[in-house]
PDB file of N, CA and C in Angstrom:
ATOM      1  N   MET A   1     -30.908  17.402-147.785  1.00  0.00           N
ATOM      2  CA  MET A   1     -30.155  16.462-148.018  1.00  0.00           C
ATOM      3  C   MET A   1     -30.697  15.508-148.877  1.00  0.00           C
ATOM      4  N   PRO A   2     -31.680  14.856-149.271  1.00  0.00           N
ATOM      5  CA  PRO A   2     -32.851  14.480-150.040  1.00  0.00           C
ATOM      6  C   PRO A   2     -32.262  14.307-151.733  1.00  0.00           C
ATOM      7  N   VAL A   3     -31.798  15.486-151.677  1.00  0.00           N
ATOM      8  CA  VAL A   3     -31.668  16.134-153.343  1.00  0.00           C
ATOM      9  C   VAL A   3     -30.469  15.961-153.429  1.00  0.00           C
ATOM     10  N   HIS A   4     -29.621  16.135-152.297  1.00  0.00           N
ATOM     11  CA  HIS A   4     -27.892  15.760-153.170  1.00  0.00           C
ATOM     12  C   HIS A   4     -27.849  14.390-152.550  1.00  0.00           C
ATOM     13  N   LEU A   5     -28.712  13.659-152.365  1.00  0.00           N
ATOM     14  CA  LEU A   5     -27.882  12.018-152.005  1.00  0.00           C
ATOM     15  C   LEU A   5     -28.443  11.498-153.696  1.00  0.00           C
ATOM     16  N   ALA A   6     -29.969  12.009-153.927  1.00  0.00           N
ATOM     17  CA  ALA A   6     -30.307  11.716-155.285  1.00  0.00           C
ATOM     18  C   ALA A   6     -29.388  12.101-156.701  1.00  0.00           C
ATOM     19  N   ASP A   7     -28.883  13.373-156.549  1.00  0.00           N
ATOM     20  CA  ASP A   7     -28.141  13.892-157.652  1.00  0.00           C
ATOM     21  C   ASP A   7     -26.518  12.672-157.725  1.00  0.00           C
ATOM     22  N   HIS A   8     -26.228  12.497-156.198  1.00  0.00           N
ATOM     23  CA  HIS A   8     -25.239  11.345-156.282  1.00  0.00           C
ATOM     24  C   HIS A   8     -24.884  10.212-156.344  1.00  0.00           C
ATOM     25  N   ILE A   9     -26.700   9.928-156.229  1.00  0.00           N
ATOM     26  CA  ILE A   9     -26.403   8.450-156.981  1.00  0.00           C
ATOM     27  C   ILE A   9     -26.789   8.487-158.587  1.00  0.00           C
ATOM     28  N   ALA A  10     -27.770   9.401-159.151  1.00  0.00           N
ATOM     29  CA  ALA A  10     -27.745   9.470-160.429  1.00  0.00           C
ATOM     30  C   ALA A  10     -26.247   9.655-161.121  1.00  0.00           C
ATOM     31  N   ALA A  11     -25.332  10.327-159.937  1.00  0.00           N
ATOM     32  CA  ALA A  11     -24.023  10.352-161.069  1.00  0.00           C
ATOM     33  C   ALA A  11     -23.076   8.620-160.678  1.00  0.00           C
ATOM     34  N   GLY A  12     -24.406   7.910-160.459  1.00  0.00           N
ATOM     35  CA  GLY A  12     -22.969   6.751-160.142  1.00  0.00           C
ATOM     36  C   GLY A  12     -22.564   6.649-159.365  1.00  0.00           C
ATOM     37  N   ARG A  13     -22.630   7.383-158.242  1.00  0.00           N
ATOM     38  CA  ARG A  13     -21.804   6.897-156.627  1.00  0.00           C
ATOM     39  C   ARG A  13     -22.771   6.458-155.503  1.00  0.00           C
ATOM     40  N   HIS A  14     -22.439   6.252-154.599  1.00  0.00           N
ATOM     41  CA  HIS A  14     -22.732   5.162-153.736  1.00  0.00           C
ATOM     42  C   HIS A  14     -22.087   6.493-151.962  1.00  0.00           C
ATOM     43  N   VAL A  15     -23.339   6.001-151.154  1.00  0.00           N
ATOM     44  CA  VAL A  15     -23.210   6.488-149.870  1.00  0.00           C
ATOM     45  C   VAL A  15     -23.598   5.459-148.702  1.00  0.00           C
ATOM     46  N   PRO A  16     -22.882   5.099-147.851  1.00  0.00           N
ATOM     47  CA  PRO A  16     -23.270   3.788-147.042  1.00  0.00           C
ATOM     48  C   PRO A  16     -24.487   3.399-146.209  1.00  0.00           C
ATOM     49  N   GLY A  17     -24.658   4.852-146.296  1.00  0.00           N
ATOM     50  CA  GLY A  17     -26.453   5.633-145.688  1.00  0.00           C
ATOM     51  C   GLY A  17     -26.134   7.078-144.788  1.00  0.00           C
ATOM     52  N   ILE A  18     -27.313   7.201-145.083  1.00  0.00           N
ATOM     53  CA  ILE A  18     -27.031   8.578-144.002  1.00  0.00           C
ATOM     54  C   ILE A  18     -28.380   8.651-142.282  1.00  0.00           C
ATOM     55  N   LEU A  19     -27.920   8.395-141.576  1.00  0.00           N
ATOM     56  CA  LEU A  19     -28.593   8.580-140.439  1.00  0.00           C
ATOM     57  C   LEU A  19     -29.368   9.659-139.659  1.00  0.00           C
ATOM     58  N   ILE A  20     -30.254  10.206-139.870  1.00  0.00           N
ATOM     59  CA  ILE A  20     -30.973  11.625-139.161  1.00  0.00           C
ATOM     60  C   ILE A  20     -31.101  11.516-137.475  1.00  0.00           C
ATOM     61  N   LEU A  21     -30.561  12.006-136.761  1.00  0.00           N
ATOM     62  CA  LEU A  21     -30.438  11.966-135.460  1.00  0.00           C
ATOM     63  C   LEU A  21     -31.585  12.722-135.115  1.00  0.00           C
ATOM     64  N   ASN A  22     -32.927  12.365-134.213  1.00  0.00           N
ATOM     65  CA  ASN A  22     -33.436  12.777-133.476  1.00  0.00           C
ATOM     66  C   ASN A  22     -33.092  13.905-132.231  1.00  0.00           C
ATOM     67  N   ALA A  23     -33.135  15.244-132.460  1.00  0.00           N
ATOM     68  CA  ALA A  23     -33.072  15.664-131.052  1.00  0.00           C
ATOM     69  C   ALA A  23     -33.767  15.812-130.067  1.00  0.00           C
ATOM     70  N   ASN A  24     -34.937  14.962-130.109  1.00  0.00           N
ATOM     71  CA  ASN A  24     -35.879  14.572-128.906  1.00  0.00           C
ATOM     72  C   ASN A  24     -35.603  13.470-128.219  1.00  0.00           C
ATOM     73  N   LEU A  25     -34.561  12.584-128.733  1.00  0.00           N
ATOM     74  CA  LEU A  25     -34.386  11.459-128.231  1.00  0.00           C
ATOM     75  C   LEU A  25     -33.157  11.789-126.947  1.00  0.00           C
ATOM     76  N   SER A  26     -32.883  10.962-125.636  1.00  0.00           N
ATOM     77  CA  SER A  26     -31.801  11.359-125.109  1.00  0.00           C
ATOM     78  C   SER A  26     -30.520  10.821-125.855  1.00  0.00           C
ATOM     79  N   ILE A  27     -29.410  11.135-124.980  1.00  0.00           N
ATOM     80  CA  ILE A  27     -27.927  10.088-125.505  1.00  0.00           C
ATOM     81  C   ILE A  27     -28.384   8.829-125.525  1.00  0.00           C
ATOM     82  N   GLY A  28     -28.904   8.201-124.525  1.00  0.00           N
ATOM     83  CA  GLY A  28     -29.164   7.024-124.004  1.00  0.00           C
ATOM     84  C   GLY A  28     -30.080   6.210-125.551  1.00  0.00           C
ATOM     85  N   GLN A  29     -31.186   6.567-125.821  1.00  0.00           N
ATOM     86  CA  GLN A  29     -31.833   6.487-126.403  1.00  0.00           C
ATOM     87  C   GLN A  29     -31.153   6.444-128.302  1.00  0.00           C
ATOM     88  N   THR A  30     -30.675   7.445-128.355  1.00  0.00           N
ATOM     89  CA  THR A  30     -29.817   7.378-129.516  1.00  0.00           C
ATOM     90  C   THR A  30     -28.738   6.368-129.966  1.00  0.00           C
ATOM     91  N   ILE A  31     -28.109   6.041-128.776  1.00  0.00           N
ATOM     92  CA  ILE A  31     -27.143   4.941-128.601  1.00  0.00           C
ATOM     93  C   ILE A  31     -27.805   3.967-128.619  1.00  0.00           C
ATOM     94  N   ASP A  32     -28.544   3.270-128.343  1.00  0.00           N
ATOM     95  CA  ASP A  32     -29.693   2.342-128.415  1.00  0.00           C
ATOM     96  C   ASP A  32     -30.217   2.213-129.752  1.00  0.00           C
ATOM     97  N   GLU A  33     -30.792   3.367-130.532  1.00  0.00           N
ATOM     98  CA  GLU A  33     -30.737   2.983-131.594  1.00  0.00           C
ATOM     99  C   GLU A  33     -29.649   2.616-132.685  1.00  0.00           C
ATOM    100  N   LEU A  34     -28.485   3.677-132.444  1.00  0.00           N
ATOM    101  CA  LEU A  34     -27.620   3.063-133.105  1.00  0.00           C
ATOM    102  C   LEU A  34     -27.142   1.691-133.226  1.00  0.00           C
ATOM    103  N   THR A  35     -26.829   1.211-131.512  1.00  0.00           N
ATOM    104  CA  THR A  35     -26.305  -0.334-131.629  1.00  0.00           C
ATOM    105  C   THR A  35     -27.278  -1.377-131.872  1.00  0.00           C
ATOM    106  N   LEU A  36     -28.973  -1.160-131.870  1.00  0.00           N
ATOM    107  CA  LEU A  36     -29.760  -1.503-132.979  1.00  0.00           C
ATOM    108  C   LEU A  36     -29.141  -2.021-134.809  1.00  0.00           C
ATOM    109  N   ILE A  37     -28.888  -1.246-134.816  1.00  0.00           N
ATOM    110  CA  ILE A  37     -28.448  -1.107-136.166  1.00  0.00           C
ATOM    111  C   ILE A  37     -27.430  -1.935-136.139  1.00  0.00           C
ATOM    112  N   VAL A  38     -26.315  -1.158-135.421  1.00  0.00           N
ATOM    113  CA  VAL A  38     -25.075  -2.082-136.285  1.00  0.00           C
ATOM    114  C   VAL A  38     -24.867  -3.319-135.570  1.00  0.00           C
ATOM    115  N   GLU A  39     -25.808  -4.025-134.884  1.00  0.00           N
ATOM    116  CA  GLU A  39     -26.311  -5.386-134.806  1.00  0.00           C
ATOM    117  C   GLU A  39     -26.643  -6.136-135.012  1.00  0.00           C
ATOM    118  N   ALA A  40     -27.839  -5.463-135.668  1.00  0.00           N
ATOM    119  CA  ALA A  40     -29.015  -6.139-136.895  1.00  0.00           C
ATOM    120  C   ALA A  40     -28.968  -6.112-138.110  1.00  0.00           C
ATOM    121  N   ALA A  41     -28.351  -5.085-138.285  1.00  0.00           N
ATOM    122  CA  ALA A  41     -28.326  -4.466-140.046  1.00  0.00           C
ATOM    123  C   ALA A  41     -27.669  -5.367-140.929  1.00  0.00           C
ATOM    124  N   PHE A  42     -27.949  -6.224-142.377  1.00  0.00           N
ATOM    125  CA  PHE A  42     -27.085  -6.682-142.963  1.00  0.00           C
ATOM    126  C   PHE A  42     -26.356  -5.752-143.524  1.00  0.00           C
ATOM    127  N   ASP A  43     -25.003  -6.330-144.620  1.00  0.00           N
ATOM    128  CA  ASP A  43     -24.423  -5.298-145.262  1.00  0.00           C
ATOM    129  C   ASP A  43     -24.864  -4.272-145.685  1.00  0.00           C
ATOM    130  N   GLU A  44     -24.543  -3.377-145.909  1.00  0.00           N
ATOM    131  CA  GLU A  44     -25.534  -2.539-147.313  1.00  0.00           C
ATOM    132  C   GLU A  44     -26.874  -2.594-147.309  1.00  0.00           C
ATOM    133  N   GLU A  45     -27.610  -2.873-146.047  1.00  0.00           N
ATOM    134  CA  GLU A  45     -28.810  -2.576-145.755  1.00  0.00           C
ATOM    135  C   GLU A  45     -29.250  -1.325-146.276  1.00  0.00           C
ATOM    136  N   TYR A  46     -28.629  -0.056-145.404  1.00  0.00           N
ATOM    137  CA  TYR A  46     -28.434   1.508-145.639  1.00  0.00           C
ATOM    138  C   TYR A  46     -27.955   2.106-146.279  1.00  0.00           C
ATOM    139  N   GLN A  47     -27.586   1.003-147.416  1.00  0.00           N
ATOM    140  CA  GLN A  47     -26.739   2.246-148.557  1.00  0.00           C
ATOM    141  C   GLN A  47     -27.580   2.818-149.532  1.00  0.00           C
ATOM    142  N   ASP A  48     -27.578   4.166-149.609  1.00  0.00           N
ATOM    143  CA  ASP A  48     -28.052   4.833-150.361  1.00  0.00           C
ATOM    144  C   ASP A  48     -29.373   5.263-149.998  1.00  0.00           C
ATOM    145  N   GLN A  49     -29.254   5.305-148.410  1.00  0.00           N
ATOM    146  CA  GLN A  49     -30.422   5.563-148.085  1.00  0.00           C
ATOM    147  C   GLN A  49     -30.371   7.036-146.765  1.00  0.00           C
ATOM    148  N   ILE A  50     -31.608   7.247-146.576  1.00  0.00           N
ATOM    149  CA  ILE A  50     -31.710   8.610-145.593  1.00  0.00           C
ATOM    150  C   ILE A  50     -32.473   7.747-144.510  1.00  0.00           C
ATOM    151  N   VAL A  51     -32.016   7.536-143.077  1.00  0.00           N
ATOM    152  CA  VAL A  51     -32.961   7.079-142.211  1.00  0.00           C
ATOM    153  C   VAL A  51     -32.958   7.933-140.874  1.00  0.00           C
ATOM    154  N   HIS A  52     -34.180   8.365-140.507  1.00  0.00           N
ATOM    155  CA  HIS A  52     -34.288   9.132-139.441  1.00  0.00           C
ATOM    156  C   HIS A  52     -34.527   8.411-138.297  1.00  0.00           C
ATOM    157  N   LEU A  53     -33.968   8.625-136.959  1.00  0.00           N
ATOM    158  CA  LEU A  53     -34.368   7.698-136.051  1.00  0.00           C
ATOM    159  C   LEU A  53     -35.223   8.413-135.020  1.00  0.00           C
ATOM    160  N   PRO A  54     -36.057   8.049-134.806  1.00  0.00           N
ATOM    161  CA  PRO A  54     -36.599   6.147-134.005  1.00  0.00           C
ATOM    162  C   PRO A  54     -36.246   5.623-135.108  1.00  0.00           C
ATOM    163  N   LEU A  55     -35.737   4.310-135.274  1.00  0.00           N
ATOM    164  CA  LEU A  55     -36.255   3.762-136.138  1.00  0.00           C
ATOM    165  C   LEU A  55     -37.833   3.029-136.248  1.00  0.00           C
ATOM    166  N   PRO A  56     -38.507   3.038-137.087  1.00  0.00           N
ATOM    167  CA  PRO A  56     -40.085   3.033-137.068  1.00  0.00           C
ATOM    168  C   PRO A  56     -39.991   1.158-136.312  1.00  0.00           C
ATOM    169  N   GLN A  57     -41.140   1.147-135.223  1.00  0.00           N
ATOM    170  CA  GLN A  57     -40.989  -0.034-134.790  1.00  0.00           C
ATOM    171  C   GLN A  57     -41.804  -1.004-135.344  1.00  0.00           C
TER     172      GLN A  57
END
């Protein structure tokens, strides 16, 4: 995915962001992580990024 994203951006395109879920998190933990992102993120904060969950603290 990172290589494809780099090629995509190099072509002048954008993505709103890619969130990689962690299979070791419970569904509740994943929902908490996604809720935190939705409530606390600025517009376009994750644009053109690949972010792995859980978020660093």
